[in-house]
Amino acid sequence: MSHGRRWLAATLAANLMVLAGTANSAPAAAGGASPSTVVMAHEFMFAPTSLTIPAGATVTWTNKDEEPHTIVSESGLFRSGAIDTNESFSFKFEKPGTYHYACSIHPRMIGTIIVR
C-alpha cells in the first residue's frame, strides 16, 4: 500500500472513530475552543480530527497535552516547530482543498483540514 493510501486509510479510520462518538450530537469544538481551533489532547490525538473551514480562514492548533507536538503538512505547505503545553501554531488557508497533517514526533496523530 502506498504512503498516500496508508495516510488516507488511517485518516478515514480516525474520522470514523470520532464520528461514532459524536453521532447523536452537534459538532462541538473541544474544550469550548473556537470552530477554527484544533486541540492536541492527552490521548495523543487532534480534536477535531477533521475540520472544514472557508477559504481565507486561519486554523490555530493549541497543545493541551503535557508532551510537545508538531504540525506537519503531508504536502509540505506548513510545518511548526515543537509546540509545548499551552502554546499554539496558526496557519491561514487561502486555497480550497484537502490538507492532511500529522505530528512528526507522534506520527499516529493525524488530522485533516478541508477548505471550501
C-alpha atoms as a PDB file:
ATOM      1  CA  MET A   1       0.000   0.000   0.000  1.00  0.00           C
ATOM      2  CA  SER A   2       1.443   3.404  -0.952  1.00  0.00           C
ATOM      3  CA  HIS A   3       2.130   6.129   1.631  1.00  0.00           C
ATOM      4  CA  GLY A   4      -0.775   8.215   0.319  1.00  0.00           C
ATOM      5  CA  ARG A   5      -3.194   5.313   0.604  1.00  0.00           C
ATOM      6  CA  ARG A   6      -1.989   4.433   4.112  1.00  0.00           C
ATOM      7  CA  TRP A   7      -2.431   8.097   5.099  1.00  0.00           C
ATOM      8  CA  LEU A   8      -5.952   8.158   3.677  1.00  0.00           C
ATOM      9  CA  ALA A   9      -6.897   4.841   5.306  1.00  0.00           C
ATOM     10  CA  ALA A  10      -5.608   5.994   8.698  1.00  0.00           C
ATOM     11  CA  THR A  11      -7.382   9.355   8.359  1.00  0.00           C
ATOM     12  CA  LEU A  12     -10.664   7.702   7.405  1.00  0.00           C
ATOM     13  CA  ALA A  13     -10.416   5.241  10.300  1.00  0.00           C
ATOM     14  CA  ALA A  14      -9.705   8.066  12.773  1.00  0.00           C
ATOM     15  CA  ASN A  15     -12.566  10.148  11.387  1.00  0.00           C
ATOM     16  CA  LEU A  16     -14.962   7.200  11.702  1.00  0.00           C
ATOM     17  CA  MET A  17     -13.972   6.745  15.354  1.00  0.00           C
ATOM     18  CA  VAL A  18     -14.618  10.424  16.041  1.00  0.00           C
ATOM     19  CA  LEU A  19     -17.943  10.336  14.193  1.00  0.00           C
ATOM     20  CA  ALA A  20     -19.045   7.216  16.047  1.00  0.00           C
ATOM     21  CA  GLY A  21     -18.524   9.023  19.334  1.00  0.00           C
ATOM     22  CA  THR A  22     -20.475  12.122  18.240  1.00  0.00           C
ATOM     23  CA  ALA A  23     -23.217  10.662  16.038  1.00  0.00           C
ATOM     24  CA  ASN A  24     -26.047  11.971  18.194  1.00  0.00           C
ATOM     25  CA  SER A  25     -24.654  15.398  18.969  1.00  0.00           C
ATOM     26  CA  ALA A  26     -23.991  18.580  17.045  1.00  0.00           C
ATOM     27  CA  PRO A  27     -20.340  19.228  16.183  1.00  0.00           C
ATOM     28  CA  ALA A  28     -18.650  20.985  19.069  1.00  0.00           C
ATOM     29  CA  ALA A  29     -15.154  22.297  19.454  1.00  0.00           C
ATOM     30  CA  ALA A  30     -13.082  20.619  22.132  1.00  0.00           C
ATOM     31  CA  GLY A  31     -12.956  22.450  25.431  1.00  0.00           C
ATOM     32  CA  GLY A  32     -15.031  25.399  24.226  1.00  0.00           C
ATOM     33  CA  ALA A  33     -12.499  26.258  21.528  1.00  0.00           C
ATOM     34  CA  SER A  34     -13.493  28.308  18.502  1.00  0.00           C
ATOM     35  CA  PRO A  35     -14.557  26.492  15.306  1.00  0.00           C
ATOM     36  CA  SER A  36     -11.144  27.115  13.714  1.00  0.00           C
ATOM     37  CA  THR A  37      -9.176  25.649  16.613  1.00  0.00           C
ATOM     38  CA  VAL A  38      -7.715  22.177  16.839  1.00  0.00           C
ATOM     39  CA  VAL A  39      -6.624  20.926  20.254  1.00  0.00           C
ATOM     40  CA  MET A  40      -3.824  18.444  20.842  1.00  0.00           C
ATOM     41  CA  ALA A  41      -5.141  16.313  23.702  1.00  0.00           C
ATOM     42  CA  HIS A  42      -3.550  13.940  26.198  1.00  0.00           C
ATOM     43  CA  GLU A  43      -4.850  10.943  24.248  1.00  0.00           C
ATOM     44  CA  PHE A  44      -2.263  11.739  21.557  1.00  0.00           C
ATOM     45  CA  MET A  45      -4.866  12.901  19.085  1.00  0.00           C
ATOM     46  CA  PHE A  46      -6.087  16.058  17.383  1.00  0.00           C
ATOM     47  CA  ALA A  47      -9.604  17.192  18.264  1.00  0.00           C
ATOM     48  CA  PRO A  48     -11.399  17.508  15.988  1.00  0.00           C
ATOM     49  CA  THR A  49      -9.638  15.066  13.691  1.00  0.00           C
ATOM     50  CA  SER A  50     -11.231  16.713  10.643  1.00  0.00           C
ATOM     51  CA  LEU A  51     -12.159  20.385  10.365  1.00  0.00           C
ATOM     52  CA  THR A  52     -13.971  22.143   7.496  1.00  0.00           C
ATOM     53  CA  ILE A  53     -13.346  25.864   7.060  1.00  0.00           C
ATOM     54  CA  PRO A  54     -13.912  28.541   4.405  1.00  0.00           C
ATOM     55  CA  ALA A  55     -11.011  29.686   2.218  1.00  0.00           C
ATOM     56  CA  GLY A  56      -9.098  32.514   3.886  1.00  0.00           C
ATOM     57  CA  ALA A  57      -9.701  31.180   7.418  1.00  0.00           C
ATOM     58  CA  THR A  58      -6.902  30.655   9.909  1.00  0.00           C
ATOM     59  CA  VAL A  59      -6.649  27.447  11.915  1.00  0.00           C
ATOM     60  CA  THR A  60      -4.927  27.505  15.294  1.00  0.00           C
ATOM     61  CA  TRP A  61      -3.615  24.311  16.868  1.00  0.00           C
ATOM     62  CA  THR A  62      -3.229  24.516  20.660  1.00  0.00           C
ATOM     63  CA  ASN A  63      -1.336  21.960  22.736  1.00  0.00           C
ATOM     64  CA  LYS A  64      -3.283  20.957  25.859  1.00  0.00           C
ATOM     65  CA  ASP A  65      -1.063  17.937  26.420  1.00  0.00           C
ATOM     66  CA  GLU A  66       1.946  17.623  28.713  1.00  0.00           C
ATOM     67  CA  GLU A  67       4.012  16.362  25.758  1.00  0.00           C
ATOM     68  CA  PRO A  68       5.341  18.542  22.909  1.00  0.00           C
ATOM     69  CA  HIS A  69       3.769  18.082  19.471  1.00  0.00           C
ATOM     70  CA  THR A  70       4.298  19.394  15.938  1.00  0.00           C
ATOM     71  CA  ILE A  71       2.043  20.161  12.977  1.00  0.00           C
ATOM     72  CA  VAL A  72       3.440  18.962   9.652  1.00  0.00           C
ATOM     73  CA  SER A  73       1.522  19.115   6.373  1.00  0.00           C
ATOM     74  CA  GLU A  74       1.752  15.982   4.223  1.00  0.00           C
ATOM     75  CA  SER A  75       2.378  18.226   1.194  1.00  0.00           C
ATOM     76  CA  GLY A  76       4.973  20.399   2.959  1.00  0.00           C
ATOM     77  CA  LEU A  77       2.748  23.508   2.844  1.00  0.00           C
ATOM     78  CA  PHE A  78       3.101  24.217   6.569  1.00  0.00           C
ATOM     79  CA  ARG A  79       5.292  22.982   9.428  1.00  0.00           C
ATOM     80  CA  SER A  80       5.533  24.032  13.052  1.00  0.00           C
ATOM     81  CA  GLY A  81       8.392  23.620  15.458  1.00  0.00           C
ATOM     82  CA  ALA A  82       7.818  21.759  18.710  1.00  0.00           C
ATOM     83  CA  ILE A  83       4.719  23.157  20.431  1.00  0.00           C
ATOM     84  CA  ASP A  84       4.854  22.888  24.216  1.00  0.00           C
ATOM     85  CA  THR A  85       1.939  22.821  26.665  1.00  0.00           C
ATOM     86  CA  ASN A  86      -0.440  25.786  26.169  1.00  0.00           C
ATOM     87  CA  GLU A  87       1.479  27.015  23.113  1.00  0.00           C
ATOM     88  CA  SER A  88      -0.138  27.410  19.681  1.00  0.00           C
ATOM     89  CA  PHE A  89       0.622  27.361  15.968  1.00  0.00           C
ATOM     90  CA  SER A  90      -1.557  29.039  13.325  1.00  0.00           C
ATOM     91  CA  PHE A  91      -1.804  28.781   9.554  1.00  0.00           C
ATOM     92  CA  LYS A  92      -4.047  30.673   7.126  1.00  0.00           C
ATOM     93  CA  PHE A  93      -5.598  28.500   4.398  1.00  0.00           C
ATOM     94  CA  GLU A  94      -6.016  30.585   1.247  1.00  0.00           C
ATOM     95  CA  LYS A  95      -6.981  27.928  -1.316  1.00  0.00           C
ATOM     96  CA  PRO A  96      -9.767  25.324  -1.291  1.00  0.00           C
ATOM     97  CA  GLY A  97      -8.606  21.749  -0.942  1.00  0.00           C
ATOM     98  CA  THR A  98      -7.996  18.931   1.482  1.00  0.00           C
ATOM     99  CA  TYR A  99      -4.907  19.237   3.662  1.00  0.00           C
ATOM    100  CA  HIS A 100      -3.605  16.237   5.634  1.00  0.00           C
ATOM    101  CA  TYR A 101      -1.229  16.746   8.543  1.00  0.00           C
ATOM    102  CA  ALA A 102       0.420  14.828  11.374  1.00  0.00           C
ATOM    103  CA  CYS A 103       2.638  15.269  14.414  1.00  0.00           C
ATOM    104  CA  SER A 104       6.202  14.399  13.373  1.00  0.00           C
ATOM    105  CA  ILE A 105       7.015  13.353  16.950  1.00  0.00           C
ATOM    106  CA  HIS A 106       3.940  11.092  17.226  1.00  0.00           C
ATOM    107  CA  PRO A 107       3.087  10.025  13.631  1.00  0.00           C
ATOM    108  CA  ARG A 108      -0.124   8.255  14.672  1.00  0.00           C
ATOM    109  CA  MET A 109      -1.535  11.712  15.434  1.00  0.00           C
ATOM    110  CA  ILE A 110      -3.152  12.685  12.136  1.00  0.00           C
ATOM    111  CA  GLY A 111      -5.724  15.207  11.021  1.00  0.00           C
ATOM    112  CA  THR A 112      -7.358  16.827   8.013  1.00  0.00           C
ATOM    113  CA  ILE A 113      -8.343  20.391   7.179  1.00  0.00           C
ATOM    114  CA  ILE A 114     -10.944  20.730   4.417  1.00  0.00           C
ATOM    115  CA  VAL A 115     -11.046  24.196   2.866  1.00  0.00           C
ATOM    116  CA  ARG A 116     -14.166  25.112   0.856  1.00  0.00           C
END
